[in-house]
Amino acid sequence: MENYINLIKLSVGTEDVDNLALWQKMPHAQTPDGLPRHVTRMWPKREAELLNGGSIYWVIKGVIQCRQRVLRLDEVMGQDGIRRCAIVLDPELHRTAQALRRPFQGWRYLKPEDSPADLTATRKTEEPLPAELSAALAEIGVL
């Protein structure tokens, strides 16, 4: 049994993995020390497991396409005085085997055994399929 847990999150408005990387380089999407972060309202209850090697798997256009290691969780206070969680991420995006996911709110836990594998070195150099084709292939179980 694995001793870590992953998260899965929709990347709303993102066109592809490269677009996600560009967005994460914007100052408002980074911590003061320059790392990408995703701010969320809920603090993960399984924090210790998440920080023990977990990643966030990004769903782009209905398909899991990549992941990033979770480095730490920072407390962020909103202008409204509400405590939020900044999920601080490793800047490296690891492309994964694609897996179809229906829309959902917020983030969810994702067990390691249910997480798509990283692409092999030879597959990383392949041109990615268009999002619509990836989603269609994943829906019929080809990807």
C-alpha atoms as a PDB file:
ATOM      1  CA  MET A   1       0.000   0.000   0.000  1.00  0.00           C
ATOM      2  CA  GLU A   2       1.248   3.465  -0.938  1.00  0.00           C
ATOM      3  CA  ASN A   3       1.866   5.974   1.855  1.00  0.00           C
ATOM      4  CA  TYR A   4       0.965   9.082  -0.138  1.00  0.00           C
ATOM      5  CA  ILE A   5      -2.114  10.505  -1.835  1.00  0.00           C
ATOM      6  CA  ASN A   6      -2.536  12.649  -4.950  1.00  0.00           C
ATOM      7  CA  LEU A   7      -4.998  15.375  -5.872  1.00  0.00           C
ATOM      8  CA  ILE A   8      -6.891  15.831  -9.109  1.00  0.00           C
ATOM      9  CA  LYS A   9      -7.996  19.291 -10.246  1.00  0.00           C
ATOM     10  CA  LEU A  10      -9.614  20.840 -13.314  1.00  0.00           C
ATOM     11  CA  SER A  11      -7.484  23.470 -15.011  1.00  0.00           C
ATOM     12  CA  VAL A  12     -10.363  25.642 -16.193  1.00  0.00           C
ATOM     13  CA  GLY A  13      -9.676  27.774 -19.265  1.00  0.00           C
ATOM     14  CA  THR A  14      -6.390  26.029 -20.040  1.00  0.00           C
ATOM     15  CA  GLU A  15      -5.907  24.977 -23.661  1.00  0.00           C
ATOM     16  CA  ASP A  16      -3.001  22.544 -23.201  1.00  0.00           C
ATOM     17  CA  VAL A  17      -0.037  21.688 -20.961  1.00  0.00           C
ATOM     18  CA  ASP A  18       2.114  24.469 -22.457  1.00  0.00           C
ATOM     19  CA  ASN A  19      -0.654  26.992 -21.708  1.00  0.00           C
ATOM     20  CA  LEU A  20      -0.758  25.783 -18.077  1.00  0.00           C
ATOM     21  CA  ALA A  21       3.024  26.263 -17.810  1.00  0.00           C
ATOM     22  CA  LEU A  22       2.754  29.826 -19.169  1.00  0.00           C
ATOM     23  CA  TRP A  23      -0.064  30.685 -16.762  1.00  0.00           C
ATOM     24  CA  GLN A  24       1.951  29.369 -13.807  1.00  0.00           C
ATOM     25  CA  LYS A  25       4.845  31.687 -14.694  1.00  0.00           C
ATOM     26  CA  MET A  26       2.671  34.761 -14.115  1.00  0.00           C
ATOM     27  CA  PRO A  27       3.468  36.580 -10.849  1.00  0.00           C
ATOM     28  CA  HIS A  28      -0.088  36.239  -9.452  1.00  0.00           C
ATOM     29  CA  ALA A  29       0.162  32.445  -9.832  1.00  0.00           C
ATOM     30  CA  GLN A  30       3.407  32.210  -7.854  1.00  0.00           C
ATOM     31  CA  THR A  31       4.568  32.238  -4.269  1.00  0.00           C
ATOM     32  CA  PRO A  32       6.926  35.011  -3.078  1.00  0.00           C
ATOM     33  CA  ASP A  33       9.822  32.567  -3.672  1.00  0.00           C
ATOM     34  CA  GLY A  34       8.766  32.116  -7.328  1.00  0.00           C
ATOM     35  CA  LEU A  35       7.135  28.683  -7.220  1.00  0.00           C
ATOM     36  CA  PRO A  36       3.811  27.986  -8.919  1.00  0.00           C
ATOM     37  CA  ARG A  37       0.825  27.679  -6.616  1.00  0.00           C
ATOM     38  CA  HIS A  38      -2.869  26.967  -6.752  1.00  0.00           C
ATOM     39  CA  VAL A  39      -4.974  28.705  -4.107  1.00  0.00           C
ATOM     40  CA  THR A  40      -8.026  26.820  -2.911  1.00  0.00           C
ATOM     41  CA  ARG A  41     -10.624  27.420  -0.220  1.00  0.00           C
ATOM     42  CA  MET A  42     -10.320  24.004   1.410  1.00  0.00           C
ATOM     43  CA  TRP A  43      -7.271  22.717   3.291  1.00  0.00           C
ATOM     44  CA  PRO A  44      -6.523  19.027   2.544  1.00  0.00           C
ATOM     45  CA  LYS A  45      -7.326  16.904   5.599  1.00  0.00           C
ATOM     46  CA  ARG A  46      -4.829  14.329   4.338  1.00  0.00           C
ATOM     47  CA  GLU A  47      -1.990  16.875   4.342  1.00  0.00           C
ATOM     48  CA  ALA A  48       0.682  14.489   5.684  1.00  0.00           C
ATOM     49  CA  GLU A  49      -0.033  11.913   2.960  1.00  0.00           C
ATOM     50  CA  LEU A  50      -0.118  14.597   0.251  1.00  0.00           C
ATOM     51  CA  LEU A  51       3.238  16.009   1.349  1.00  0.00           C
ATOM     52  CA  ASN A  52       4.763  12.506   1.460  1.00  0.00           C
ATOM     53  CA  GLY A  53       5.278  12.376  -2.319  1.00  0.00           C
ATOM     54  CA  GLY A  54       1.879  13.343  -3.722  1.00  0.00           C
ATOM     55  CA  SER A  55       1.178  15.233  -6.930  1.00  0.00           C
ATOM     56  CA  ILE A  56      -1.650  17.263  -8.377  1.00  0.00           C
ATOM     57  CA  TYR A  57      -3.001  15.776 -11.615  1.00  0.00           C
ATOM     58  CA  TRP A  58      -4.340  18.428 -13.990  1.00  0.00           C
ATOM     59  CA  VAL A  59      -7.481  17.817 -16.052  1.00  0.00           C
ATOM     60  CA  ILE A  60      -7.284  19.920 -19.207  1.00  0.00           C
ATOM     61  CA  LYS A  61     -10.287  19.945 -21.548  1.00  0.00           C
ATOM     62  CA  GLY A  62     -11.741  16.858 -19.875  1.00  0.00           C
ATOM     63  CA  VAL A  63      -8.560  14.770 -19.936  1.00  0.00           C
ATOM     64  CA  ILE A  64      -5.807  14.265 -17.349  1.00  0.00           C
ATOM     65  CA  GLN A  65      -2.703  15.372 -19.235  1.00  0.00           C
ATOM     66  CA  CYS A  66       0.002  16.119 -16.667  1.00  0.00           C
ATOM     67  CA  ARG A  67       0.965  16.250 -13.011  1.00  0.00           C
ATOM     68  CA  GLN A  68       3.111  18.323 -10.668  1.00  0.00           C
ATOM     69  CA  ARG A  69       4.646  17.327  -7.345  1.00  0.00           C
ATOM     70  CA  VAL A  70       3.164  19.059  -4.320  1.00  0.00           C
ATOM     71  CA  LEU A  71       5.982  20.673  -2.323  1.00  0.00           C
ATOM     72  CA  ARG A  72       4.117  22.307   0.549  1.00  0.00           C
ATOM     73  CA  LEU A  73       0.894  23.935   1.673  1.00  0.00           C
ATOM     74  CA  ASP A  74       0.985  27.635   2.576  1.00  0.00           C
ATOM     75  CA  GLU A  75      -1.678  29.539   4.448  1.00  0.00           C
ATOM     76  CA  VAL A  76      -3.000  32.526   2.498  1.00  0.00           C
ATOM     77  CA  MET A  77      -5.385  35.075   3.944  1.00  0.00           C
ATOM     78  CA  GLY A  78      -7.798  36.544   1.432  1.00  0.00           C
ATOM     79  CA  GLN A  79      -8.795  40.195   1.393  1.00  0.00           C
ATOM     80  CA  ASP A  80     -12.040  38.969   2.950  1.00  0.00           C
ATOM     81  CA  GLY A  81     -10.110  37.626   5.968  1.00  0.00           C
ATOM     82  CA  ILE A  82     -10.826  33.985   5.075  1.00  0.00           C
ATOM     83  CA  ARG A  83      -7.976  31.478   5.432  1.00  0.00           C
ATOM     84  CA  ARG A  84      -7.154  29.653   2.206  1.00  0.00           C
ATOM     85  CA  CYS A  85      -4.659  26.995   1.180  1.00  0.00           C
ATOM     86  CA  ALA A  86      -1.966  27.653  -1.416  1.00  0.00           C
ATOM     87  CA  ILE A  87      -0.868  24.322  -2.873  1.00  0.00           C
ATOM     88  CA  VAL A  88       2.759  25.029  -3.756  1.00  0.00           C
ATOM     89  CA  LEU A  89       4.007  23.025  -6.716  1.00  0.00           C
ATOM     90  CA  ASP A  90       7.241  21.904  -8.298  1.00  0.00           C
ATOM     91  CA  PRO A  91       7.559  23.946 -11.533  1.00  0.00           C
ATOM     92  CA  GLU A  92       8.240  20.787 -13.584  1.00  0.00           C
ATOM     93  CA  LEU A  93       5.157  19.482 -15.386  1.00  0.00           C
ATOM     94  CA  HIS A  94       5.255  15.721 -15.987  1.00  0.00           C
ATOM     95  CA  ARG A  95       3.132  14.652 -18.940  1.00  0.00           C
ATOM     96  CA  THR A  96       1.044  11.594 -18.150  1.00  0.00           C
ATOM     97  CA  ALA A  97      -0.927   8.984 -20.007  1.00  0.00           C
ATOM     98  CA  GLN A  98      -4.227  10.621 -20.778  1.00  0.00           C
ATOM     99  CA  ALA A  99      -7.367   9.673 -18.870  1.00  0.00           C
ATOM    100  CA  LEU A 100     -10.859  11.052 -19.370  1.00  0.00           C
ATOM    101  CA  ARG A 101     -12.474  12.856 -16.411  1.00  0.00           C
ATOM    102  CA  ARG A 102     -15.911  14.394 -16.100  1.00  0.00           C
ATOM    103  CA  PRO A 103     -16.198  17.929 -14.682  1.00  0.00           C
ATOM    104  CA  PHE A 104     -16.288  18.328 -10.902  1.00  0.00           C
ATOM    105  CA  GLN A 105     -16.003  21.147  -8.382  1.00  0.00           C
ATOM    106  CA  GLY A 106     -12.813  21.882  -6.448  1.00  0.00           C
ATOM    107  CA  TRP A 107     -10.238  19.134  -6.097  1.00  0.00           C
ATOM    108  CA  ARG A 108     -10.506  15.465  -5.209  1.00  0.00           C
ATOM    109  CA  TYR A 109      -8.146  12.895  -3.753  1.00  0.00           C
ATOM    110  CA  LEU A 110      -6.670  10.460  -6.267  1.00  0.00           C
ATOM    111  CA  LYS A 111      -5.191   7.172  -5.096  1.00  0.00           C
ATOM    112  CA  PRO A 112      -1.763   6.316  -6.533  1.00  0.00           C
ATOM    113  CA  GLU A 113      -3.136   3.107  -8.068  1.00  0.00           C
ATOM    114  CA  ASP A 114      -5.809   5.143  -9.903  1.00  0.00           C
ATOM    115  CA  SER A 115      -3.355   7.784 -11.156  1.00  0.00           C
ATOM    116  CA  PRO A 116      -2.209   7.758 -14.797  1.00  0.00           C
ATOM    117  CA  ALA A 117       1.429   6.825 -15.368  1.00  0.00           C
ATOM    118  CA  ASP A 118       3.986   9.349 -16.529  1.00  0.00           C
ATOM    119  CA  LEU A 119       4.813   9.158 -20.223  1.00  0.00           C
ATOM    120  CA  THR A 120       8.008   7.318 -21.095  1.00  0.00           C
ATOM    121  CA  ALA A 121      10.972   9.314 -22.396  1.00  0.00           C
ATOM    122  CA  THR A 122      10.202   8.353 -26.009  1.00  0.00           C
ATOM    123  CA  ARG A 123       6.550   9.390 -25.726  1.00  0.00           C
ATOM    124  CA  LYS A 124       7.452  12.780 -24.201  1.00  0.00           C
ATOM    125  CA  THR A 125       8.945  13.855 -27.520  1.00  0.00           C
ATOM    126  CA  GLU A 126       5.789  13.006 -29.471  1.00  0.00           C
ATOM    127  CA  GLU A 127       3.568  15.846 -30.601  1.00  0.00           C
ATOM    128  CA  PRO A 128       0.511  15.872 -28.297  1.00  0.00           C
ATOM    129  CA  LEU A 129      -2.835  14.964 -29.806  1.00  0.00           C
ATOM    130  CA  PRO A 130      -5.454  17.702 -30.136  1.00  0.00           C
ATOM    131  CA  ALA A 131      -7.535  17.913 -26.937  1.00  0.00           C
ATOM    132  CA  GLU A 132     -10.775  16.894 -28.662  1.00  0.00           C
ATOM    133  CA  LEU A 133      -9.163  13.797 -30.211  1.00  0.00           C
ATOM    134  CA  SER A 134      -7.528  12.872 -26.881  1.00  0.00           C
ATOM    135  CA  ALA A 135     -10.888  13.143 -25.120  1.00  0.00           C
ATOM    136  CA  ALA A 136     -12.623  11.028 -27.760  1.00  0.00           C
ATOM    137  CA  LEU A 137      -9.943   8.315 -27.628  1.00  0.00           C
ATOM    138  CA  ALA A 138      -9.943   8.302 -23.823  1.00  0.00           C
ATOM    139  CA  GLU A 139     -13.737   7.994 -23.809  1.00  0.00           C
ATOM    140  CA  ILE A 140     -13.606   4.779 -25.820  1.00  0.00           C
ATOM    141  CA  GLY A 141     -10.674   3.467 -23.773  1.00  0.00           C
ATOM    142  CA  VAL A 142      -7.921   3.751 -26.371  1.00  0.00           C
ATOM    143  CA  LEU A 143      -5.703   6.154 -24.369  1.00  0.00           C
END
